[in-house]
Amino acid sequence: MPLTGVRREIWDRALPCLDVRDNDAHSLYAFALAAALLHVLPGARADVVLPAVLLHDTGWKTVDPADILPAIAGRAGPAGQETIRRHESEGAAIAARILADVGYPARDTERIVTIIDGHDTRRDALDLDDAVVKGADKLWRLTPHGLRTVGACSALDPDRILRFVAARTYDRLLTDPARAVAAALSVLARTDVSVQRSGLKPPSLDEWPISVAYGYFRRES
């Protein structure tokens, strides 16, 4: 699903807040995953889900970069939870401003802001739209980009990284389609690990269609 019209306007305004820890790439992966989930979950609303996905991590821009990884990795205790909570509330405020700037419908804006303000710390979904946003956000972890991002911050080998990420992902997925996508991504990731162990070279990240799209949007923005 291409970024055109008002979604492109939202993306252009969100980009300056997404230059933290590859959140720009993460957001595009999540956008593609959300679009795929929308095809099989027709009860979810694209006009709520897709802007929420594009804007959900803008709040990390307001957090001290040194605090981000310890919070995400769960090493900072209560302070880490406060950091995660802050990125949600700040992201909700940023989303409200951006959506107002592009003239987004007030009713949809209110729902998007509510979803963003709790997308990580709220374990249960408010509704199907929220469940799709949560699913797309967490499924990113099992993509090549997600696994590589986790690997760059860890001394674990690829197999242990995959097991660690999978263990922290499956119980956060709230729809059957999201769990099916997670299973498929895990199979592909395990295959890549096996290929690497055999001495063969798996396809690079640049060969992934989402990465091609990411490069296109970065050039155009």
C-alpha atoms as a PDB file:
ATOM      1  CA  MET A   1       0.000   0.000   0.000  1.00  0.00           C
ATOM      2  CA  PRO A   2       1.809   3.141  -1.185  1.00  0.00           C
ATOM      3  CA  LEU A   3       2.282   6.241   0.897  1.00  0.00           C
ATOM      4  CA  THR A   4       0.237   8.768  -1.045  1.00  0.00           C
ATOM      5  CA  GLY A   5      -2.121  11.622  -0.305  1.00  0.00           C
ATOM      6  CA  VAL A   6      -2.674  12.450   3.351  1.00  0.00           C
ATOM      7  CA  ARG A   7      -0.663   9.403   4.499  1.00  0.00           C
ATOM      8  CA  ARG A   8       2.346  10.800   2.673  1.00  0.00           C
ATOM      9  CA  GLU A   9       1.771  14.185   4.334  1.00  0.00           C
ATOM     10  CA  ILE A  10       1.674  12.483   7.725  1.00  0.00           C
ATOM     11  CA  TRP A  11       4.864  10.542   6.921  1.00  0.00           C
ATOM     12  CA  ASP A  12       6.711  13.670   5.801  1.00  0.00           C
ATOM     13  CA  ARG A  13       5.841  15.422   9.057  1.00  0.00           C
ATOM     14  CA  ALA A  14       6.676  12.366  11.157  1.00  0.00           C
ATOM     15  CA  LEU A  15      10.118  11.761   9.619  1.00  0.00           C
ATOM     16  CA  PRO A  16      12.015  14.397  11.657  1.00  0.00           C
ATOM     17  CA  CYS A  17      10.882  12.554  14.805  1.00  0.00           C
ATOM     18  CA  LEU A  18      11.842   9.105  13.497  1.00  0.00           C
ATOM     19  CA  ASP A  19      15.603   9.512  13.101  1.00  0.00           C
ATOM     20  CA  VAL A  20      16.195   7.689  16.394  1.00  0.00           C
ATOM     21  CA  ARG A  21      17.363   4.064  16.407  1.00  0.00           C
ATOM     22  CA  ASP A  22      16.154   3.368  12.830  1.00  0.00           C
ATOM     23  CA  ASN A  23      12.568   4.188  13.747  1.00  0.00           C
ATOM     24  CA  ASP A  24      12.020   5.475  10.215  1.00  0.00           C
ATOM     25  CA  ALA A  25      12.756   2.041   8.738  1.00  0.00           C
ATOM     26  CA  HIS A  26      10.904   0.323  11.583  1.00  0.00           C
ATOM     27  CA  SER A  27       7.822   2.419  10.864  1.00  0.00           C
ATOM     28  CA  LEU A  28       7.835   1.490   7.174  1.00  0.00           C
ATOM     29  CA  TYR A  29       8.141  -2.208   7.975  1.00  0.00           C
ATOM     30  CA  ALA A  30       5.268  -1.871  10.451  1.00  0.00           C
ATOM     31  CA  PHE A  31       3.242   0.041   7.850  1.00  0.00           C
ATOM     32  CA  ALA A  32       3.666  -2.776   5.318  1.00  0.00           C
ATOM     33  CA  LEU A  33       2.805  -5.412   7.917  1.00  0.00           C
ATOM     34  CA  ALA A  34      -0.263  -3.451   9.025  1.00  0.00           C
ATOM     35  CA  ALA A  35      -1.421  -3.128   5.415  1.00  0.00           C
ATOM     36  CA  ALA A  36      -1.115  -6.909   5.017  1.00  0.00           C
ATOM     37  CA  LEU A  37      -3.083  -7.537   8.214  1.00  0.00           C
ATOM     38  CA  LEU A  38      -5.814  -5.140   7.075  1.00  0.00           C
ATOM     39  CA  HIS A  39      -6.417  -7.318   4.011  1.00  0.00           C
ATOM     40  CA  VAL A  40      -7.429 -10.253   6.213  1.00  0.00           C
ATOM     41  CA  LEU A  41      -9.018  -8.279   9.045  1.00  0.00           C
ATOM     42  CA  PRO A  42     -11.639  -6.210   7.208  1.00  0.00           C
ATOM     43  CA  GLY A  43     -13.189  -5.047  10.466  1.00  0.00           C
ATOM     44  CA  ALA A  44     -10.136  -2.883  11.152  1.00  0.00           C
ATOM     45  CA  ARG A  45     -10.075   0.659   9.753  1.00  0.00           C
ATOM     46  CA  ALA A  46      -7.165   1.633   7.528  1.00  0.00           C
ATOM     47  CA  ASP A  47      -7.801   5.333   8.202  1.00  0.00           C
ATOM     48  CA  VAL A  48      -7.031   4.709  11.866  1.00  0.00           C
ATOM     49  CA  VAL A  49      -4.491   1.889  11.723  1.00  0.00           C
ATOM     50  CA  LEU A  50      -2.090   3.201   9.093  1.00  0.00           C
ATOM     51  CA  PRO A  51      -1.616   6.750  10.453  1.00  0.00           C
ATOM     52  CA  ALA A  52      -1.239   5.269  13.949  1.00  0.00           C
ATOM     53  CA  VAL A  53       1.526   2.974  12.710  1.00  0.00           C
ATOM     54  CA  LEU A  54       3.357   5.820  10.967  1.00  0.00           C
ATOM     55  CA  LEU A  55       3.235   7.977  14.096  1.00  0.00           C
ATOM     56  CA  HIS A  56       3.462   5.479  16.951  1.00  0.00           C
ATOM     57  CA  ASP A  57       7.176   5.837  17.741  1.00  0.00           C
ATOM     58  CA  THR A  58       7.649   9.570  17.165  1.00  0.00           C
ATOM     59  CA  GLY A  59       7.843  10.059  20.935  1.00  0.00           C
ATOM     60  CA  TRP A  60      11.268   8.423  21.162  1.00  0.00           C
ATOM     61  CA  LYS A  61      12.609  11.682  19.726  1.00  0.00           C
ATOM     62  CA  THR A  62      11.926  13.340  23.087  1.00  0.00           C
ATOM     63  CA  VAL A  63      13.832  10.720  25.110  1.00  0.00           C
ATOM     64  CA  ASP A  64      17.544  10.816  25.960  1.00  0.00           C
ATOM     65  CA  PRO A  65      19.142   8.346  23.500  1.00  0.00           C
ATOM     66  CA  ALA A  66      21.158   6.837  26.353  1.00  0.00           C
ATOM     67  CA  ASP A  67      17.914   5.802  28.062  1.00  0.00           C
ATOM     68  CA  ILE A  68      16.296   4.073  25.100  1.00  0.00           C
ATOM     69  CA  LEU A  69      18.114   0.735  24.869  1.00  0.00           C
ATOM     70  CA  PRO A  70      18.098  -0.014  28.631  1.00  0.00           C
ATOM     71  CA  ALA A  71      14.361   0.710  28.687  1.00  0.00           C
ATOM     72  CA  ILE A  72      13.574  -1.468  25.661  1.00  0.00           C
ATOM     73  CA  ALA A  73      15.802  -4.297  26.888  1.00  0.00           C
ATOM     74  CA  GLY A  74      14.152  -4.250  30.321  1.00  0.00           C
ATOM     75  CA  ARG A  75      17.396  -3.468  32.120  1.00  0.00           C
ATOM     76  CA  ALA A  76      16.325  -0.168  33.673  1.00  0.00           C
ATOM     77  CA  GLY A  77      13.590  -1.388  36.011  1.00  0.00           C
ATOM     78  CA  PRO A  78      10.820   1.073  36.927  1.00  0.00           C
ATOM     79  CA  ALA A  79      12.763   3.937  35.352  1.00  0.00           C
ATOM     80  CA  GLY A  80      12.725   2.050  32.064  1.00  0.00           C
ATOM     81  CA  GLN A  81       8.958   1.645  32.244  1.00  0.00           C
ATOM     82  CA  GLU A  82       8.662   5.375  32.828  1.00  0.00           C
ATOM     83  CA  THR A  83      10.820   5.966  29.744  1.00  0.00           C
ATOM     84  CA  ILE A  84       8.630   3.715  27.620  1.00  0.00           C
ATOM     85  CA  ARG A  85       5.538   5.395  28.997  1.00  0.00           C
ATOM     86  CA  ARG A  86       6.988   8.785  28.178  1.00  0.00           C
ATOM     87  CA  HIS A  87       7.592   7.878  24.541  1.00  0.00           C
ATOM     88  CA  GLU A  88       3.942   6.838  24.302  1.00  0.00           C
ATOM     89  CA  SER A  89       2.508  10.014  25.818  1.00  0.00           C
ATOM     90  CA  GLU A  90       4.906  12.294  23.920  1.00  0.00           C
ATOM     91  CA  GLY A  91       4.198  10.379  20.714  1.00  0.00           C
ATOM     92  CA  ALA A  92       0.474  10.839  21.251  1.00  0.00           C
ATOM     93  CA  ALA A  93       0.991  14.602  21.596  1.00  0.00           C
ATOM     94  CA  ILE A  94       3.156  14.735  18.460  1.00  0.00           C
ATOM     95  CA  ALA A  95       0.584  12.684  16.552  1.00  0.00           C
ATOM     96  CA  ALA A  96      -2.201  15.046  17.609  1.00  0.00           C
ATOM     97  CA  ARG A  97      -0.251  18.042  16.295  1.00  0.00           C
ATOM     98  CA  ILE A  98       0.646  16.389  12.993  1.00  0.00           C
ATOM     99  CA  LEU A  99      -2.880  15.163  12.362  1.00  0.00           C
ATOM    100  CA  ALA A 100      -4.252  18.622  13.135  1.00  0.00           C
ATOM    101  CA  ASP A 101      -1.743  20.150  10.711  1.00  0.00           C
ATOM    102  CA  VAL A 102      -2.936  17.923   7.853  1.00  0.00           C
ATOM    103  CA  GLY A 103      -6.591  18.451   8.682  1.00  0.00           C
ATOM    104  CA  TYR A 104      -7.305  14.854   9.658  1.00  0.00           C
ATOM    105  CA  PRO A 105     -10.863  14.074  10.844  1.00  0.00           C
ATOM    106  CA  ALA A 106     -11.231  14.812  14.563  1.00  0.00           C
ATOM    107  CA  ARG A 107     -12.926  11.513  15.396  1.00  0.00           C
ATOM    108  CA  ASP A 108     -10.193   9.427  13.744  1.00  0.00           C
ATOM    109  CA  THR A 109      -7.501  11.646  15.275  1.00  0.00           C
ATOM    110  CA  GLU A 110      -8.857  11.008  18.757  1.00  0.00           C
ATOM    111  CA  ARG A 111      -8.775   7.245  18.193  1.00  0.00           C
ATOM    112  CA  ILE A 112      -5.255   7.303  16.718  1.00  0.00           C
ATOM    113  CA  VAL A 113      -3.916   9.352  19.636  1.00  0.00           C
ATOM    114  CA  THR A 114      -5.541   6.974  22.126  1.00  0.00           C
ATOM    115  CA  ILE A 115      -3.976   3.943  20.430  1.00  0.00           C
ATOM    116  CA  ILE A 116      -0.504   5.498  20.394  1.00  0.00           C
ATOM    117  CA  ASP A 117      -0.793   6.476  24.051  1.00  0.00           C
ATOM    118  CA  GLY A 118      -0.337   2.933  25.356  1.00  0.00           C
ATOM    119  CA  HIS A 119       0.736   0.911  22.319  1.00  0.00           C
ATOM    120  CA  ASP A 120       3.599  -0.717  24.273  1.00  0.00           C
ATOM    121  CA  THR A 121       2.531  -0.638  27.921  1.00  0.00           C
ATOM    122  CA  ARG A 122      -1.105  -1.611  27.399  1.00  0.00           C
ATOM    123  CA  ARG A 123      -1.148  -5.412  27.032  1.00  0.00           C
ATOM    124  CA  ASP A 124      -4.774  -5.773  25.923  1.00  0.00           C
ATOM    125  CA  ALA A 125      -6.188  -4.146  22.819  1.00  0.00           C
ATOM    126  CA  LEU A 126      -8.845  -1.473  23.022  1.00  0.00           C
ATOM    127  CA  ASP A 127     -10.379  -2.743  19.789  1.00  0.00           C
ATOM    128  CA  LEU A 128      -9.399  -4.411  16.510  1.00  0.00           C
ATOM    129  CA  ASP A 129      -7.666  -1.273  15.220  1.00  0.00           C
ATOM    130  CA  ASP A 130      -5.457  -1.246  18.302  1.00  0.00           C
ATOM    131  CA  ALA A 131      -4.758  -4.984  17.938  1.00  0.00           C
ATOM    132  CA  VAL A 132      -3.594  -4.506  14.339  1.00  0.00           C
ATOM    133  CA  VAL A 133      -1.302  -1.620  15.305  1.00  0.00           C
ATOM    134  CA  LYS A 134       0.179  -3.660  18.148  1.00  0.00           C
ATOM    135  CA  GLY A 135       0.606  -6.662  15.868  1.00  0.00           C
ATOM    136  CA  ALA A 136       2.370  -4.741  13.111  1.00  0.00           C
ATOM    137  CA  ASP A 137       4.658  -3.036  15.622  1.00  0.00           C
ATOM    138  CA  LYS A 138       5.683  -6.298  17.299  1.00  0.00           C
ATOM    139  CA  LEU A 139       5.928  -8.358  14.082  1.00  0.00           C
ATOM    140  CA  TRP A 140       8.718  -6.049  12.933  1.00  0.00           C
ATOM    141  CA  ARG A 141      10.972  -7.739  15.482  1.00  0.00           C
ATOM    142  CA  LEU A 142      10.921 -10.943  13.407  1.00  0.00           C
ATOM    143  CA  THR A 143      11.752  -9.261  10.090  1.00  0.00           C
ATOM    144  CA  PRO A 144      15.382  -9.238   8.891  1.00  0.00           C
ATOM    145  CA  HIS A 145      15.636  -5.576   9.858  1.00  0.00           C
ATOM    146  CA  GLY A 146      14.221  -6.224  13.316  1.00  0.00           C
ATOM    147  CA  LEU A 147      16.497  -9.188  13.995  1.00  0.00           C
ATOM    148  CA  ARG A 148      19.494  -7.256  12.727  1.00  0.00           C
ATOM    149  CA  THR A 149      18.612  -4.298  14.958  1.00  0.00           C
ATOM    150  CA  VAL A 150      18.371  -6.546  18.011  1.00  0.00           C
ATOM    151  CA  GLY A 151      21.582  -8.339  16.997  1.00  0.00           C
ATOM    152  CA  ALA A 152      23.485  -5.067  16.772  1.00  0.00           C
ATOM    153  CA  CYS A 153      22.733  -4.445  20.454  1.00  0.00           C
ATOM    154  CA  SER A 154      23.493  -7.965  21.651  1.00  0.00           C
ATOM    155  CA  ALA A 155      26.359 -10.421  21.833  1.00  0.00           C
ATOM    156  CA  LEU A 156      24.019 -13.354  21.165  1.00  0.00           C
ATOM    157  CA  ASP A 157      24.444 -15.602  18.130  1.00  0.00           C
ATOM    158  CA  PRO A 158      21.707 -15.469  15.422  1.00  0.00           C
ATOM    159  CA  ASP A 159      19.890 -18.570  16.671  1.00  0.00           C
ATOM    160  CA  ARG A 160      19.672 -17.254  20.238  1.00  0.00           C
ATOM    161  CA  ILE A 161      18.626 -13.817  18.981  1.00  0.00           C
ATOM    162  CA  LEU A 162      15.749 -15.405  17.072  1.00  0.00           C
ATOM    163  CA  ARG A 163      14.643 -17.451  20.094  1.00  0.00           C
ATOM    164  CA  PHE A 164      14.881 -14.385  22.341  1.00  0.00           C
ATOM    165  CA  VAL A 165      12.874 -12.192  19.951  1.00  0.00           C
ATOM    166  CA  ALA A 166      10.254 -14.873  19.293  1.00  0.00           C
ATOM    167  CA  ALA A 167       9.751 -15.410  23.024  1.00  0.00           C
ATOM    168  CA  ARG A 168       9.116 -11.685  23.491  1.00  0.00           C
ATOM    169  CA  THR A 169       6.830 -11.393  20.471  1.00  0.00           C
ATOM    170  CA  TYR A 170       4.297 -14.223  20.279  1.00  0.00           C
ATOM    171  CA  ASP A 171       2.465 -13.407  23.510  1.00  0.00           C
ATOM    172  CA  ARG A 172       2.036  -9.789  22.397  1.00  0.00           C
ATOM    173  CA  LEU A 173       0.166 -10.715  19.202  1.00  0.00           C
ATOM    174  CA  LEU A 174      -3.584 -10.422  19.621  1.00  0.00           C
ATOM    175  CA  THR A 175      -4.964 -11.693  16.298  1.00  0.00           C
ATOM    176  CA  ASP A 176      -4.700 -15.040  14.529  1.00  0.00           C
ATOM    177  CA  PRO A 177      -3.362 -13.475  11.291  1.00  0.00           C
ATOM    178  CA  ALA A 178      -0.562 -11.730  13.216  1.00  0.00           C
ATOM    179  CA  ARG A 179       0.392 -15.015  14.880  1.00  0.00           C
ATOM    180  CA  ALA A 180       0.403 -16.728  11.466  1.00  0.00           C
ATOM    181  CA  VAL A 181       2.702 -14.047  10.045  1.00  0.00           C
ATOM    182  CA  ALA A 182       4.992 -14.431  13.062  1.00  0.00           C
ATOM    183  CA  ALA A 183       5.220 -18.174  12.497  1.00  0.00           C
ATOM    184  CA  ALA A 184       6.079 -17.657   8.825  1.00  0.00           C
ATOM    185  CA  LEU A 185       8.718 -15.018   9.590  1.00  0.00           C
ATOM    186  CA  SER A 186      10.243 -17.314  12.217  1.00  0.00           C
ATOM    187  CA  VAL A 187      10.500 -20.169   9.725  1.00  0.00           C
ATOM    188  CA  LEU A 188      12.213 -17.903   7.211  1.00  0.00           C
ATOM    189  CA  ALA A 189      14.590 -16.561   9.864  1.00  0.00           C
ATOM    190  CA  ARG A 190      15.510 -20.094  10.994  1.00  0.00           C
ATOM    191  CA  THR A 191      16.140 -21.013   7.376  1.00  0.00           C
ATOM    192  CA  ASP A 192      18.489 -18.037   7.044  1.00  0.00           C
ATOM    193  CA  VAL A 193      20.359 -19.198  10.157  1.00  0.00           C
ATOM    194  CA  SER A 194      20.686 -22.700   8.674  1.00  0.00           C
ATOM    195  CA  VAL A 195      21.909 -21.280   5.374  1.00  0.00           C
ATOM    196  CA  GLN A 196      24.541 -19.219   7.181  1.00  0.00           C
ATOM    197  CA  ARG A 197      25.731 -22.273   9.108  1.00  0.00           C
ATOM    198  CA  SER A 198      26.068 -24.185   5.847  1.00  0.00           C
ATOM    199  CA  GLY A 199      28.487 -21.563   4.571  1.00  0.00           C
ATOM    200  CA  LEU A 200      26.114 -20.176   1.948  1.00  0.00           C
ATOM    201  CA  LYS A 201      25.246 -16.495   1.774  1.00  0.00           C
ATOM    202  CA  PRO A 202      21.549 -15.629   2.275  1.00  0.00           C
ATOM    203  CA  PRO A 203      19.985 -12.721   0.336  1.00  0.00           C
ATOM    204  CA  SER A 204      20.967  -9.349   1.703  1.00  0.00           C
ATOM    205  CA  LEU A 205      18.474  -7.025   3.308  1.00  0.00           C
ATOM    206  CA  ASP A 206      18.708  -4.794   0.227  1.00  0.00           C
ATOM    207  CA  GLU A 207      16.994  -7.510  -1.823  1.00  0.00           C
ATOM    208  CA  TRP A 208      13.838  -7.316   0.271  1.00  0.00           C
ATOM    209  CA  PRO A 209      10.961  -5.447  -1.424  1.00  0.00           C
ATOM    210  CA  ILE A 210      10.226  -3.457   1.740  1.00  0.00           C
ATOM    211  CA  SER A 211      13.818  -2.258   1.792  1.00  0.00           C
ATOM    212  CA  VAL A 212      13.522  -1.174  -1.825  1.00  0.00           C
ATOM    213  CA  ALA A 213      10.394   0.783  -0.913  1.00  0.00           C
ATOM    214  CA  TYR A 214      12.154   2.278   2.100  1.00  0.00           C
ATOM    215  CA  GLY A 215      14.998   3.497  -0.106  1.00  0.00           C
ATOM    216  CA  TYR A 216      12.486   5.004  -2.520  1.00  0.00           C
ATOM    217  CA  PHE A 217      10.608   6.918   0.169  1.00  0.00           C
ATOM    218  CA  ARG A 218      13.846   8.157   1.710  1.00  0.00           C
ATOM    219  CA  ARG A 219      15.006   9.492  -1.690  1.00  0.00           C
ATOM    220  CA  GLU A 220      11.652  11.135  -2.341  1.00  0.00           C
ATOM    221  CA  SER A 221      11.349  12.758   1.087  1.00  0.00           C
END
